Amino acid sequence: RQMAAQGGGAIVNTASVAGLKGAPRLATYA
């Protein structure tokens, strides 16, 4: 909302390699 109002910006979210493949015993985290 703020960036759109001001005309731009850049955002980075922290995912994980567990967001790209499976992670046994970490199913919910993945």
PDB file of all heavy atoms in Angstrom:
ATOM      1  N   ARG A   1       0.833  -1.201   0.000  1.00  0.00           N
ATOM      2  CA  ARG A   1       0.000   0.000   0.000  1.00  0.00           C
ATOM      3  C   ARG A   1       0.871   1.254   0.000  1.00  0.00           C
ATOM      4  O   ARG A   1       0.635   2.199  -0.760  1.00  0.00           O
ATOM      5  CB  ARG A   1      -0.915   0.002   1.223  1.00  0.00           C
ATOM      6  CG  ARG A   1      -2.087  -0.957   1.133  1.00  0.00           C
ATOM      7  CD  ARG A   1      -2.890  -0.938   2.428  1.00  0.00           C
ATOM      8  NE  ARG A   1      -4.105  -1.746   2.318  1.00  0.00           N
ATOM      9  CZ  ARG A   1      -4.932  -1.994   3.333  1.00  0.00           C
ATOM     10  NH1 ARG A   1      -4.691  -1.468   4.528  1.00  0.00           N
ATOM     11  NH2 ARG A   1      -6.006  -2.733   3.147  1.00  0.00           N
ATOM     12  N   GLN A   2       1.886   1.261   0.843  1.00  0.00           N
ATOM     13  CA  GLN A   2       2.765   2.421   0.925  1.00  0.00           C
ATOM     14  C   GLN A   2       3.582   2.592  -0.348  1.00  0.00           C
ATOM     15  O   GLN A   2       3.688   3.702  -0.897  1.00  0.00           O
ATOM     16  CB  GLN A   2       3.695   2.283   2.135  1.00  0.00           C
ATOM     17  CG  GLN A   2       4.780   3.345   2.222  1.00  0.00           C
ATOM     18  CD  GLN A   2       4.236   4.765   2.305  1.00  0.00           C
ATOM     19  OE1 GLN A   2       3.185   4.990   2.883  1.00  0.00           O
ATOM     20  NE2 GLN A   2       4.955   5.725   1.729  1.00  0.00           N
ATOM     21  N   MET A   3       4.165   1.512  -0.834  1.00  0.00           N
ATOM     22  CA  MET A   3       5.013   1.607  -2.027  1.00  0.00           C
ATOM     23  C   MET A   3       4.212   2.010  -3.256  1.00  0.00           C
ATOM     24  O   MET A   3       4.698   2.777  -4.094  1.00  0.00           O
ATOM     25  CB  MET A   3       5.745   0.285  -2.253  1.00  0.00           C
ATOM     26  CG  MET A   3       6.825   0.015  -1.229  1.00  0.00           C
ATOM     27  SD  MET A   3       7.676  -1.559  -1.544  1.00  0.00           S
ATOM     28  CE  MET A   3       8.944  -1.512  -0.250  1.00  0.00           C
ATOM     29  N   ALA A   4       2.997   1.497  -3.376  1.00  0.00           N
ATOM     30  CA  ALA A   4       2.160   1.881  -4.507  1.00  0.00           C
ATOM     31  C   ALA A   4       1.826   3.367  -4.449  1.00  0.00           C
ATOM     32  O   ALA A   4       1.823   4.066  -5.478  1.00  0.00           O
ATOM     33  CB  ALA A   4       0.882   1.044  -4.528  1.00  0.00           C
ATOM     34  N   ALA A   5       1.558   3.867  -3.243  1.00  0.00           N
ATOM     35  CA  ALA A   5       1.215   5.277  -3.086  1.00  0.00           C
ATOM     36  C   ALA A   5       2.389   6.191  -3.405  1.00  0.00           C
ATOM     37  O   ALA A   5       2.199   7.302  -3.917  1.00  0.00           O
ATOM     38  CB  ALA A   5       0.721   5.536  -1.662  1.00  0.00           C
ATOM     39  N   GLN A   6       3.602   5.744  -3.124  1.00  0.00           N
ATOM     40  CA  GLN A   6       4.773   6.603  -3.321  1.00  0.00           C
ATOM     41  C   GLN A   6       5.436   6.400  -4.686  1.00  0.00           C
ATOM     42  O   GLN A   6       6.347   7.135  -5.055  1.00  0.00           O
ATOM     43  CB  GLN A   6       5.805   6.355  -2.211  1.00  0.00           C
ATOM     44  CG  GLN A   6       6.500   5.005  -2.321  1.00  0.00           C
ATOM     45  CD  GLN A   6       7.353   4.651  -1.117  1.00  0.00           C
ATOM     46  OE1 GLN A   6       7.124   5.103  -0.002  1.00  0.00           O
ATOM     47  NE2 GLN A   6       8.370   3.836  -1.344  1.00  0.00           N
ATOM     48  N   GLY A   7       5.023   5.360  -5.424  1.00  0.00           N
ATOM     49  CA  GLY A   7       5.521   5.185  -6.785  1.00  0.00           C
ATOM     50  C   GLY A   7       6.555   4.110  -7.002  1.00  0.00           C
ATOM     51  O   GLY A   7       7.171   4.047  -8.063  1.00  0.00           O
ATOM     52  N   GLY A   8       6.760   3.216  -6.011  1.00  0.00           N
ATOM     53  CA  GLY A   8       7.683   2.103  -6.253  1.00  0.00           C
ATOM     54  C   GLY A   8       8.410   1.639  -5.016  1.00  0.00           C
ATOM     55  O   GLY A   8       8.293   2.230  -3.938  1.00  0.00           O
ATOM     56  N   GLY A   9       9.164   0.555  -5.185  1.00  0.00           N
ATOM     57  CA  GLY A   9       9.940  -0.003  -4.092  1.00  0.00           C
ATOM     58  C   GLY A   9      10.389  -1.409  -4.426  1.00  0.00           C
ATOM     59  O   GLY A   9      10.125  -1.934  -5.512  1.00  0.00           O
ATOM     60  N   ALA A  10      11.084  -2.021  -3.486  1.00  0.00           N
ATOM     61  CA  ALA A  10      11.568  -3.392  -3.658  1.00  0.00           C
ATOM     62  C   ALA A  10      11.358  -4.157  -2.362  1.00  0.00           C
ATOM     63  O   ALA A  10      11.626  -3.630  -1.268  1.00  0.00           O
ATOM     64  CB  ALA A  10      13.044  -3.408  -4.048  1.00  0.00           C
ATOM     65  N   ILE A  11      10.896  -5.395  -2.498  1.00  0.00           N
ATOM     66  CA  ILE A  11      10.623  -6.245  -1.337  1.00  0.00           C
ATOM     67  C   ILE A  11      11.300  -7.593  -1.542  1.00  0.00           C
ATOM     68  O   ILE A  11      11.275  -8.146  -2.650  1.00  0.00           O
ATOM     69  CB  ILE A  11       9.108  -6.456  -1.157  1.00  0.00           C
ATOM     70  CG1 ILE A  11       8.400  -5.128  -0.881  1.00  0.00           C
ATOM     71  CG2 ILE A  11       8.826  -7.451  -0.027  1.00  0.00           C
ATOM     72  CD1 ILE A  11       6.874  -5.226  -0.867  1.00  0.00           C
ATOM     73  N   VAL A  12      11.882  -8.110  -0.472  1.00  0.00           N
ATOM     74  CA  VAL A  12      12.417  -9.475  -0.465  1.00  0.00           C
ATOM     75  C   VAL A  12      11.782 -10.219   0.696  1.00  0.00           C
ATOM     76  O   VAL A  12      11.768  -9.725   1.831  1.00  0.00           O
ATOM     77  CB  VAL A  12      13.948  -9.498  -0.329  1.00  0.00           C
ATOM     78  CG1 VAL A  12      14.458 -10.932  -0.231  1.00  0.00           C
ATOM     79  CG2 VAL A  12      14.602  -8.792  -1.513  1.00  0.00           C
ATOM     80  N   ASN A  13      11.253 -11.397   0.413  1.00  0.00           N
ATOM     81  CA  ASN A  13      10.697 -12.273   1.437  1.00  0.00           C
ATOM     82  C   ASN A  13      11.670 -13.420   1.700  1.00  0.00           C
ATOM     83  O   ASN A  13      12.268 -13.947   0.761  1.00  0.00           O
ATOM     84  CB  ASN A  13       9.362 -12.862   0.971  1.00  0.00           C
ATOM     85  CG  ASN A  13       8.329 -11.805   0.682  1.00  0.00           C
ATOM     86  OD1 ASN A  13       8.197 -10.832   1.425  1.00  0.00           O
ATOM     87  ND2 ASN A  13       7.588 -11.980  -0.404  1.00  0.00           N
ATOM     88  N   THR A  14      11.793 -13.829   2.950  1.00  0.00           N
ATOM     89  CA  THR A  14      12.613 -14.991   3.257  1.00  0.00           C
ATOM     90  C   THR A  14      11.777 -16.251   3.123  1.00  0.00           C
ATOM     91  O   THR A  14      10.841 -16.478   3.892  1.00  0.00           O
ATOM     92  CB  THR A  14      13.200 -14.918   4.679  1.00  0.00           C
ATOM     93  OG1 THR A  14      14.092 -13.801   4.766  1.00  0.00           O
ATOM     94  CG2 THR A  14      13.996 -16.187   4.993  1.00  0.00           C
ATOM     95  N   ALA A  15      12.109 -17.063   2.125  1.00  0.00           N
ATOM     96  CA  ALA A  15      11.530 -18.396   1.999  1.00  0.00           C
ATOM     97  C   ALA A  15      12.589 -19.381   2.499  1.00  0.00           C
ATOM     98  O   ALA A  15      13.138 -19.199   3.579  1.00  0.00           O
ATOM     99  CB  ALA A  15      11.097 -18.670   0.554  1.00  0.00           C
ATOM    100  N   SER A  16      12.896 -20.403   1.724  1.00  0.00           N
ATOM    101  CA  SER A  16      13.853 -21.420   2.151  1.00  0.00           C
ATOM    102  C   SER A  16      14.024 -22.417   1.016  1.00  0.00           C
ATOM    103  O   SER A  16      13.168 -22.505   0.121  1.00  0.00           O
ATOM    104  CB  SER A  16      13.322 -22.150   3.401  1.00  0.00           C
ATOM    105  OG  SER A  16      14.073 -23.319   3.688  1.00  0.00           O
ATOM    106  N   VAL A  17      15.091 -23.208   1.059  1.00  0.00           N
ATOM    107  CA  VAL A  17      15.158 -24.341   0.133  1.00  0.00           C
ATOM    108  C   VAL A  17      13.984 -25.284   0.390  1.00  0.00           C
ATOM    109  O   VAL A  17      13.559 -26.011  -0.511  1.00  0.00           O
ATOM    110  CB  VAL A  17      16.487 -25.103   0.253  1.00  0.00           C
ATOM    111  CG1 VAL A  17      17.639 -24.257  -0.264  1.00  0.00           C
ATOM    112  CG2 VAL A  17      16.755 -25.566   1.682  1.00  0.00           C
ATOM    113  N   ALA A  18      13.433 -25.242   1.617  1.00  0.00           N
ATOM    114  CA  ALA A  18      12.236 -26.033   1.928  1.00  0.00           C
ATOM    115  C   ALA A  18      10.996 -25.466   1.259  1.00  0.00           C
ATOM    116  O   ALA A  18       9.931 -26.074   1.329  1.00  0.00           O
ATOM    117  CB  ALA A  18      12.026 -26.117   3.439  1.00  0.00           C
ATOM    118  N   GLY A  19      11.116 -24.321   0.615  1.00  0.00           N
ATOM    119  CA  GLY A  19      10.042 -23.798  -0.206  1.00  0.00           C
ATOM    120  C   GLY A  19      10.173 -24.205  -1.659  1.00  0.00           C
ATOM    121  O   GLY A  19       9.325 -23.877  -2.486  1.00  0.00           O
ATOM    122  N   LEU A  20      11.244 -24.953  -1.966  1.00  0.00           N
ATOM    123  CA  LEU A  20      11.510 -25.390  -3.329  1.00  0.00           C
ATOM    124  C   LEU A  20      11.486 -26.904  -3.470  1.00  0.00           C
ATOM    125  O   LEU A  20      11.428 -27.421  -4.588  1.00  0.00           O
ATOM    126  CB  LEU A  20      12.883 -24.866  -3.784  1.00  0.00           C
ATOM    127  CG  LEU A  20      13.067 -23.342  -3.736  1.00  0.00           C
ATOM    128  CD1 LEU A  20      14.506 -22.983  -4.073  1.00  0.00           C
ATOM    129  CD2 LEU A  20      12.105 -22.642  -4.686  1.00  0.00           C
ATOM    130  N   LYS A  21      11.578 -27.608  -2.338  1.00  0.00           N
ATOM    131  CA  LYS A  21      11.574 -29.067  -2.355  1.00  0.00           C
ATOM    132  C   LYS A  21      11.020 -29.562  -1.019  1.00  0.00           C
ATOM    133  O   LYS A  21      10.757 -28.764  -0.122  1.00  0.00           O
ATOM    134  CB  LYS A  21      12.980 -29.612  -2.603  1.00  0.00           C
ATOM    135  CG  LYS A  21      14.009 -29.177  -1.574  1.00  0.00           C
ATOM    136  CD  LYS A  21      15.421 -29.605  -1.959  1.00  0.00           C
ATOM    137  CE  LYS A  21      15.560 -31.111  -2.021  1.00  0.00           C
ATOM    138  NZ  LYS A  21      16.948 -31.534  -2.311  1.00  0.00           N
ATOM    139  N   GLY A  22      10.866 -30.868  -0.897  1.00  0.00           N
ATOM    140  CA  GLY A  22      10.344 -31.422   0.346  1.00  0.00           C
ATOM    141  C   GLY A  22      11.351 -31.375   1.476  1.00  0.00           C
ATOM    142  O   GLY A  22      12.559 -31.266   1.258  1.00  0.00           O
ATOM    143  N   ALA A  23      10.841 -31.477   2.701  1.00  0.00           N
ATOM    144  CA  ALA A  23      11.688 -31.438   3.892  1.00  0.00           C
ATOM    145  C   ALA A  23      11.122 -32.419   4.912  1.00  0.00           C
ATOM    146  O   ALA A  23      10.235 -32.060   5.692  1.00  0.00           O
ATOM    147  CB  ALA A  23      11.757 -30.030   4.470  1.00  0.00           C
ATOM    148  N   PRO A  24      11.601 -33.660   4.930  1.00  0.00           N
ATOM    149  CA  PRO A  24      11.081 -34.651   5.877  1.00  0.00           C
ATOM    150  C   PRO A  24      11.187 -34.178   7.323  1.00  0.00           C
ATOM    151  O   PRO A  24      12.173 -33.565   7.722  1.00  0.00           O
ATOM    152  CB  PRO A  24      11.985 -35.871   5.632  1.00  0.00           C
ATOM    153  CG  PRO A  24      12.462 -35.704   4.227  1.00  0.00           C
ATOM    154  CD  PRO A  24      12.620 -34.229   4.037  1.00  0.00           C
ATOM    155  N   ARG A  25      10.147 -34.447   8.077  1.00  0.00           N
ATOM    156  CA  ARG A  25      10.008 -34.041   9.477  1.00  0.00           C
ATOM    157  C   ARG A  25       9.866 -32.524   9.648  1.00  0.00           C
ATOM    158  O   ARG A  25       9.890 -32.016  10.759  1.00  0.00           O
ATOM    159  CB  ARG A  25      11.150 -34.582  10.352  1.00  0.00           C
ATOM    160  CG  ARG A  25      11.325 -36.090  10.273  1.00  0.00           C
ATOM    161  CD  ARG A  25      12.404 -36.580  11.223  1.00  0.00           C
ATOM    162  NE  ARG A  25      11.912 -36.645  12.592  1.00  0.00           N
ATOM    163  CZ  ARG A  25      11.294 -37.706  13.136  1.00  0.00           C
ATOM    164  NH1 ARG A  25      11.073 -38.785  12.410  1.00  0.00           N
ATOM    165  NH2 ARG A  25      10.900 -37.691  14.399  1.00  0.00           N
ATOM    166  N   LEU A  26       9.703 -31.846   8.533  1.00  0.00           N
ATOM    167  CA  LEU A  26       9.495 -30.396   8.536  1.00  0.00           C
ATOM    168  C   LEU A  26       8.360 -30.052   7.571  1.00  0.00           C
ATOM    169  O   LEU A  26       8.402 -29.054   6.867  1.00  0.00           O
ATOM    170  CB  LEU A  26      10.773 -29.657   8.114  1.00  0.00           C
ATOM    171  CG  LEU A  26      11.981 -29.754   9.035  1.00  0.00           C
ATOM    172  CD1 LEU A  26      13.223 -29.210   8.333  1.00  0.00           C
ATOM    173  CD2 LEU A  26      11.739 -28.995  10.335  1.00  0.00           C
ATOM    174  N   ALA A  27       7.334 -30.895   7.535  1.00  0.00           N
ATOM    175  CA  ALA A  27       6.290 -30.754   6.519  1.00  0.00           C
ATOM    176  C   ALA A  27       5.563 -29.414   6.617  1.00  0.00           C
ATOM    177  O   ALA A  27       5.298 -28.758   5.595  1.00  0.00           O
ATOM    178  CB  ALA A  27       5.292 -31.905   6.628  1.00  0.00           C
ATOM    179  N   THR A  28       5.226 -29.002   7.823  1.00  0.00           N
ATOM    180  CA  THR A  28       4.500 -27.738   7.978  1.00  0.00           C
ATOM    181  C   THR A  28       5.396 -26.560   7.624  1.00  0.00           C
ATOM    182  O   THR A  28       4.965 -25.617   6.948  1.00  0.00           O
ATOM    183  CB  THR A  28       3.969 -27.591   9.415  1.00  0.00           C
ATOM    184  OG1 THR A  28       3.174 -28.730   9.733  1.00  0.00           O
ATOM    185  CG2 THR A  28       3.142 -26.334   9.562  1.00  0.00           C
ATOM    186  N   TYR A  29       6.640 -26.615   8.076  1.00  0.00           N
ATOM    187  CA  TYR A  29       7.603 -25.566   7.732  1.00  0.00           C
ATOM    188  C   TYR A  29       7.764 -25.471   6.215  1.00  0.00           C
ATOM    189  O   TYR A  29       7.725 -24.384   5.643  1.00  0.00           O
ATOM    190  CB  TYR A  29       8.946 -25.864   8.395  1.00  0.00           C
ATOM    191  CG  TYR A  29      10.031 -24.880   8.059  1.00  0.00           C
ATOM    192  CD1 TYR A  29      10.086 -23.638   8.679  1.00  0.00           C
ATOM    193  CD2 TYR A  29      11.023 -25.193   7.123  1.00  0.00           C
ATOM    194  CE1 TYR A  29      11.093 -22.728   8.377  1.00  0.00           C
ATOM    195  CE2 TYR A  29      12.025 -24.295   6.811  1.00  0.00           C
ATOM    196  CZ  TYR A  29      12.054 -23.065   7.439  1.00  0.00           C
ATOM    197  OH  TYR A  29      13.056 -22.167   7.133  1.00  0.00           O
ATOM    198  N   ALA A  30       7.925 -26.622   5.550  1.00  0.00           N
ATOM    199  CA  ALA A  30       8.071 -26.628   4.095  1.00  0.00           C
ATOM    200  C   ALA A  30       6.827 -26.058   3.421  1.00  0.00           C
ATOM    201  O   ALA A  30       6.920 -25.285   2.459  1.00  0.00           O
ATOM    202  CB  ALA A  30       8.353 -28.042   3.597  1.00  0.00           C
TER     203      ALA A  30
END
